[in-house]
N, C-alpha and C. Protein backbone atom coordinates (compact mmCIF):
# COMPACT_ATOMS: atom_id res chain seq x y z
N UNK A 1 37.15 144.75 125.03
CA UNK A 1 38.19 144.89 124.04
C UNK A 1 39.06 146.10 124.41
N UNK A 2 40.40 145.96 124.40
CA UNK A 2 41.26 147.10 124.74
C UNK A 2 41.16 148.19 123.70
N UNK A 3 41.38 149.41 124.15
CA UNK A 3 41.35 150.54 123.24
C UNK A 3 42.59 150.50 122.35
N UNK A 4 42.41 150.51 121.05
CA UNK A 4 43.54 150.50 120.12
C UNK A 4 44.12 151.90 119.96
N UNK A 5 43.27 152.90 120.01
CA UNK A 5 43.70 154.29 119.91
C UNK A 5 42.92 155.09 120.93
N UNK A 6 43.55 156.08 121.48
CA UNK A 6 42.87 156.89 122.48
C UNK A 6 43.42 158.30 122.46
N UNK A 7 42.63 159.21 122.98
CA UNK A 7 43.06 160.58 123.11
C UNK A 7 42.56 161.07 124.46
N UNK A 8 43.49 161.45 125.30
CA UNK A 8 43.14 161.95 126.62
C UNK A 8 43.31 163.46 126.63
N UNK A 9 42.55 164.14 127.47
CA UNK A 9 42.57 165.60 127.50
C UNK A 9 43.70 166.18 128.32
N UNK A 10 44.14 165.44 129.33
CA UNK A 10 45.16 165.98 130.23
C UNK A 10 46.27 164.94 130.44
N UNK A 11 47.39 165.41 130.92
CA UNK A 11 48.49 164.51 131.27
C UNK A 11 48.04 163.54 132.35
N UNK A 12 47.30 164.03 133.32
CA UNK A 12 46.80 163.16 134.40
C UNK A 12 45.94 162.03 133.83
N UNK A 13 45.04 162.34 132.91
CA UNK A 13 44.21 161.30 132.30
C UNK A 13 45.06 160.27 131.56
N UNK A 14 46.08 160.75 130.86
CA UNK A 14 46.97 159.84 130.14
C UNK A 14 47.70 158.93 131.11
N UNK A 15 48.29 159.50 132.16
CA UNK A 15 49.03 158.68 133.12
C UNK A 15 48.10 157.70 133.85
N UNK A 16 46.88 158.09 134.15
CA UNK A 16 45.93 157.16 134.77
C UNK A 16 45.59 156.01 133.81
N UNK A 17 45.53 156.31 132.53
CA UNK A 17 45.22 155.29 131.52
C UNK A 17 46.36 154.28 131.40
N UNK A 18 47.61 154.75 131.40
CA UNK A 18 48.75 153.86 131.18
C UNK A 18 49.29 153.22 132.46
N UNK A 19 48.94 153.75 133.62
CA UNK A 19 49.54 153.27 134.88
C UNK A 19 49.45 151.75 135.06
N UNK A 20 48.35 151.06 134.71
CA UNK A 20 48.32 149.60 134.91
C UNK A 20 49.12 148.79 133.89
N UNK A 21 49.77 149.45 132.94
CA UNK A 21 50.53 148.76 131.90
C UNK A 21 51.70 147.99 132.50
N UNK A 22 51.89 146.75 132.08
CA UNK A 22 53.01 145.94 132.57
C UNK A 22 54.31 146.34 131.88
N UNK A 23 54.26 146.57 130.58
CA UNK A 23 55.41 147.01 129.79
C UNK A 23 54.88 147.48 128.45
N UNK A 24 55.76 148.11 127.65
CA UNK A 24 55.33 148.62 126.35
C UNK A 24 56.40 148.34 125.31
N UNK A 25 55.98 148.28 124.06
CA UNK A 25 56.87 148.25 122.91
C UNK A 25 56.54 149.52 122.13
N UNK A 26 57.54 150.39 121.97
CA UNK A 26 57.28 151.72 121.45
C UNK A 26 58.24 152.13 120.35
N UNK A 27 57.75 152.95 119.45
CA UNK A 27 58.64 153.63 118.52
C UNK A 27 58.67 155.12 118.84
N UNK A 28 58.07 155.51 119.93
CA UNK A 28 58.10 156.89 120.41
C UNK A 28 58.98 156.90 121.66
N UNK A 29 60.22 157.31 121.49
CA UNK A 29 61.20 157.19 122.56
C UNK A 29 60.90 158.09 123.75
N UNK A 30 60.33 159.27 123.50
CA UNK A 30 59.95 160.13 124.62
C UNK A 30 58.89 159.43 125.48
N UNK A 31 58.00 158.70 124.86
CA UNK A 31 56.98 157.96 125.61
C UNK A 31 57.64 156.88 126.46
N UNK A 32 58.68 156.25 125.95
CA UNK A 32 59.39 155.23 126.72
C UNK A 32 59.99 155.82 127.98
N UNK A 33 60.57 157.00 127.88
CA UNK A 33 61.16 157.65 129.05
C UNK A 33 60.06 158.09 130.01
N UNK A 34 58.96 158.60 129.49
CA UNK A 34 57.84 159.00 130.37
C UNK A 34 57.29 157.78 131.11
N UNK A 35 57.11 156.67 130.42
CA UNK A 35 56.63 155.46 131.08
C UNK A 35 57.65 154.97 132.12
N UNK A 36 58.93 155.08 131.81
CA UNK A 36 59.97 154.68 132.77
C UNK A 36 59.82 155.48 134.06
N UNK A 37 59.46 156.75 133.95
CA UNK A 37 59.24 157.58 135.13
C UNK A 37 58.07 157.11 135.98
N UNK A 38 57.19 156.33 135.38
CA UNK A 38 56.08 155.74 136.13
C UNK A 38 56.40 154.32 136.60
N UNK A 39 57.62 153.87 136.28
CA UNK A 39 58.01 152.51 136.66
C UNK A 39 57.57 151.46 135.66
N UNK A 40 57.23 151.88 134.45
CA UNK A 40 56.78 150.96 133.41
C UNK A 40 57.91 150.76 132.42
N UNK A 41 58.50 149.56 132.36
CA UNK A 41 59.59 149.32 131.41
C UNK A 41 59.07 149.22 129.98
N UNK A 42 59.94 149.58 129.04
CA UNK A 42 59.57 149.56 127.62
C UNK A 42 60.71 149.04 126.78
N UNK A 43 60.35 148.45 125.65
CA UNK A 43 61.28 148.13 124.59
C UNK A 43 61.10 149.25 123.57
N UNK A 44 62.19 149.95 123.25
CA UNK A 44 62.10 151.10 122.35
C UNK A 44 62.78 150.79 121.02
N UNK A 45 62.12 151.20 119.96
CA UNK A 45 62.64 151.00 118.60
C UNK A 45 62.72 152.38 117.96
N UNK A 46 63.92 152.75 117.52
CA UNK A 46 64.10 154.09 116.99
C UNK A 46 64.95 154.14 115.75
N UNK A 47 65.17 155.38 115.28
CA UNK A 47 65.91 155.58 114.03
C UNK A 47 67.03 156.60 114.15
N UNK A 48 67.20 157.21 115.32
CA UNK A 48 68.19 158.28 115.41
C UNK A 48 68.74 158.42 116.83
N UNK A 49 69.42 159.51 117.08
CA UNK A 49 70.11 159.71 118.36
C UNK A 49 69.16 159.82 119.55
N UNK A 50 67.87 159.97 119.32
CA UNK A 50 66.95 159.97 120.46
C UNK A 50 66.97 158.63 121.18
N UNK A 51 67.48 157.61 120.51
CA UNK A 51 67.61 156.29 121.13
C UNK A 51 68.53 156.38 122.35
N UNK A 52 69.49 157.31 122.34
CA UNK A 52 70.41 157.48 123.46
C UNK A 52 69.66 157.87 124.73
N UNK A 53 68.58 158.63 124.58
CA UNK A 53 67.78 159.05 125.72
C UNK A 53 67.19 157.83 126.43
N UNK A 54 66.65 156.90 125.67
CA UNK A 54 66.08 155.69 126.26
C UNK A 54 67.17 154.78 126.82
N UNK A 55 68.29 154.69 126.12
CA UNK A 55 69.40 153.89 126.62
C UNK A 55 69.92 154.43 127.94
N UNK A 56 69.91 155.75 128.10
CA UNK A 56 70.47 156.35 129.32
C UNK A 56 69.69 155.96 130.57
N UNK A 57 68.44 155.55 130.44
CA UNK A 57 67.69 155.08 131.60
C UNK A 57 67.66 153.55 131.66
N UNK A 58 68.41 152.91 130.77
CA UNK A 58 68.57 151.46 130.82
C UNK A 58 67.49 150.66 130.14
N UNK A 59 66.73 151.29 129.24
CA UNK A 59 65.70 150.56 128.51
C UNK A 59 66.32 149.80 127.34
N UNK A 60 65.79 148.64 126.98
CA UNK A 60 66.28 147.97 125.78
C UNK A 60 65.89 148.78 124.54
N UNK A 61 66.88 149.03 123.69
CA UNK A 61 66.67 149.89 122.52
C UNK A 61 67.21 149.17 121.29
N UNK A 62 66.45 149.27 120.20
CA UNK A 62 66.85 148.67 118.93
C UNK A 62 66.74 149.70 117.82
N UNK A 63 67.70 149.66 116.90
CA UNK A 63 67.58 150.45 115.69
C UNK A 63 66.62 149.74 114.75
N UNK A 64 65.71 150.48 114.17
CA UNK A 64 64.61 149.89 113.42
C UNK A 64 65.08 148.94 112.31
N UNK A 65 66.18 149.26 111.64
CA UNK A 65 66.64 148.40 110.55
C UNK A 65 67.32 147.12 111.04
N UNK A 66 67.70 147.10 112.32
CA UNK A 66 68.41 145.94 112.86
C UNK A 66 67.52 145.02 113.69
N UNK A 67 66.29 145.41 113.93
CA UNK A 67 65.43 144.65 114.84
C UNK A 67 64.60 143.63 114.06
N UNK A 68 64.25 142.58 114.75
CA UNK A 68 63.35 141.56 114.19
C UNK A 68 62.28 141.25 115.22
N UNK A 69 61.25 140.59 114.78
CA UNK A 69 60.19 140.19 115.72
C UNK A 69 60.77 139.33 116.82
N UNK A 70 61.70 138.45 116.48
CA UNK A 70 62.32 137.59 117.49
C UNK A 70 63.06 138.37 118.55
N UNK A 71 63.80 139.42 118.13
CA UNK A 71 64.53 140.25 119.10
C UNK A 71 63.56 141.00 120.01
N UNK A 72 62.49 141.51 119.43
CA UNK A 72 61.50 142.23 120.24
C UNK A 72 60.85 141.27 121.24
N UNK A 73 60.45 140.10 120.78
CA UNK A 73 59.81 139.13 121.67
C UNK A 73 60.76 138.68 122.79
N UNK A 74 62.04 138.52 122.46
CA UNK A 74 63.01 138.14 123.49
C UNK A 74 63.17 139.25 124.53
N UNK A 75 63.21 140.50 124.08
CA UNK A 75 63.32 141.63 125.01
C UNK A 75 62.08 141.73 125.89
N UNK A 76 60.92 141.53 125.30
CA UNK A 76 59.67 141.55 126.08
C UNK A 76 59.65 140.42 127.09
N UNK A 77 60.10 139.23 126.71
CA UNK A 77 60.13 138.10 127.64
C UNK A 77 61.05 138.40 128.82
N UNK A 78 62.18 139.02 128.54
CA UNK A 78 63.10 139.40 129.61
C UNK A 78 62.45 140.40 130.55
N UNK A 79 61.79 141.41 129.99
CA UNK A 79 61.10 142.40 130.83
C UNK A 79 60.01 141.74 131.67
N UNK A 80 59.27 140.84 131.06
CA UNK A 80 58.18 140.18 131.79
C UNK A 80 58.72 139.38 132.97
N UNK A 81 59.86 138.71 132.79
CA UNK A 81 60.45 137.91 133.86
C UNK A 81 60.91 138.74 135.03
N UNK A 82 61.43 139.93 134.74
CA UNK A 82 61.98 140.76 135.81
C UNK A 82 61.18 142.05 136.00
N UNK A 83 59.90 142.02 135.69
CA UNK A 83 59.04 143.21 135.71
C UNK A 83 59.10 143.94 137.03
N UNK A 84 58.94 143.25 138.16
CA UNK A 84 58.90 143.90 139.46
C UNK A 84 60.23 144.59 139.77
N UNK A 85 61.33 143.89 139.55
CA UNK A 85 62.64 144.46 139.82
C UNK A 85 62.94 145.63 138.89
N UNK A 86 62.56 145.50 137.63
CA UNK A 86 62.80 146.58 136.67
C UNK A 86 61.97 147.81 137.00
N UNK A 87 60.75 147.61 137.42
CA UNK A 87 59.91 148.74 137.83
C UNK A 87 60.53 149.45 139.03
N UNK A 88 60.99 148.68 140.00
CA UNK A 88 61.63 149.27 141.18
C UNK A 88 62.89 150.03 140.79
N UNK A 89 63.68 149.48 139.85
CA UNK A 89 64.88 150.17 139.40
C UNK A 89 64.55 151.50 138.75
N UNK A 90 63.53 151.51 137.90
CA UNK A 90 63.14 152.74 137.21
C UNK A 90 62.62 153.79 138.20
N UNK A 91 61.83 153.37 139.17
CA UNK A 91 61.32 154.32 140.17
C UNK A 91 62.45 154.87 141.05
N UNK A 92 63.42 154.02 141.38
CA UNK A 92 64.57 154.49 142.16
C UNK A 92 65.40 155.47 141.33
N UNK A 93 65.55 155.21 140.04
CA UNK A 93 66.26 156.13 139.16
C UNK A 93 65.55 157.48 139.10
N UNK A 94 64.23 157.44 139.00
CA UNK A 94 63.45 158.69 138.99
C UNK A 94 63.69 159.47 140.27
N UNK A 95 63.65 158.80 141.40
CA UNK A 95 63.84 159.47 142.69
C UNK A 95 65.25 160.05 142.82
N UNK A 96 66.26 159.28 142.43
CA UNK A 96 67.63 159.79 142.55
C UNK A 96 67.89 160.93 141.58
N UNK A 97 67.30 160.86 140.39
CA UNK A 97 67.44 161.95 139.42
C UNK A 97 66.78 163.22 139.95
N UNK A 98 65.60 163.09 140.53
CA UNK A 98 64.91 164.23 141.11
C UNK A 98 65.77 164.86 142.22
N UNK A 99 66.32 164.00 143.07
CA UNK A 99 67.16 164.50 144.16
C UNK A 99 68.39 165.24 143.63
N UNK A 100 69.02 164.71 142.57
CA UNK A 100 70.19 165.37 141.98
C UNK A 100 69.81 166.73 141.40
N UNK A 101 68.71 166.79 140.67
CA UNK A 101 68.27 168.07 140.11
C UNK A 101 67.93 169.06 141.22
N UNK A 102 67.29 168.58 142.24
CA UNK A 102 66.92 169.46 143.35
C UNK A 102 68.18 170.03 144.01
N UNK A 103 69.20 169.20 144.20
CA UNK A 103 70.45 169.67 144.80
C UNK A 103 71.15 170.69 143.90
N UNK A 104 71.13 170.45 142.60
CA UNK A 104 71.76 171.37 141.65
C UNK A 104 71.03 172.71 141.63
N UNK A 105 69.71 172.66 141.68
CA UNK A 105 68.91 173.89 141.55
C UNK A 105 68.65 174.60 142.88
N UNK A 106 68.95 173.95 143.99
CA UNK A 106 68.65 174.51 145.31
C UNK A 106 69.16 175.94 145.50
N UNK A 107 70.36 176.26 145.07
CA UNK A 107 70.83 177.64 145.28
C UNK A 107 69.96 178.70 144.60
N UNK A 108 69.30 178.32 143.51
CA UNK A 108 68.48 179.29 142.78
C UNK A 108 67.01 179.22 143.17
N UNK A 109 66.59 178.14 143.79
CA UNK A 109 65.18 177.99 144.17
C UNK A 109 64.88 178.56 145.55
N UNK A 110 65.85 178.59 146.43
CA UNK A 110 65.62 179.06 147.78
C UNK A 110 65.03 177.98 148.66
N UNK A 111 64.85 178.28 149.91
CA UNK A 111 64.39 177.31 150.92
C UNK A 111 62.95 176.86 150.70
N UNK A 112 62.12 177.62 150.03
CA UNK A 112 60.70 177.29 149.89
C UNK A 112 60.44 176.13 148.94
N UNK A 113 61.41 175.72 148.13
CA UNK A 113 61.18 174.69 147.12
C UNK A 113 61.91 173.38 147.39
N UNK A 114 62.48 173.20 148.55
CA UNK A 114 63.24 171.97 148.77
C UNK A 114 62.38 170.87 149.34
């Protein structure tokens, strides 16, 4: 039986626990962005401007008062169909974002951190 609730001691334990996840449906938008960084697509349901954070990485986002079970299921079906491509897109976005930040910060980090 899958664990319905869990508590991990470290970030590493948490990421090891979620890594095999195919996709997620979340109302915690920060978790959606964290999972995106692992290449795990999510459907995010929110109530405020934090939804913009999930939208900025291209995740499907719904305002809680406007969403229905049918809309969520349709978004999940879409993610399931294109899971491999979406995971690759999210991982490429993570890599390009890291490269951009590294280039921006390079003058202050020095040669030892590139």
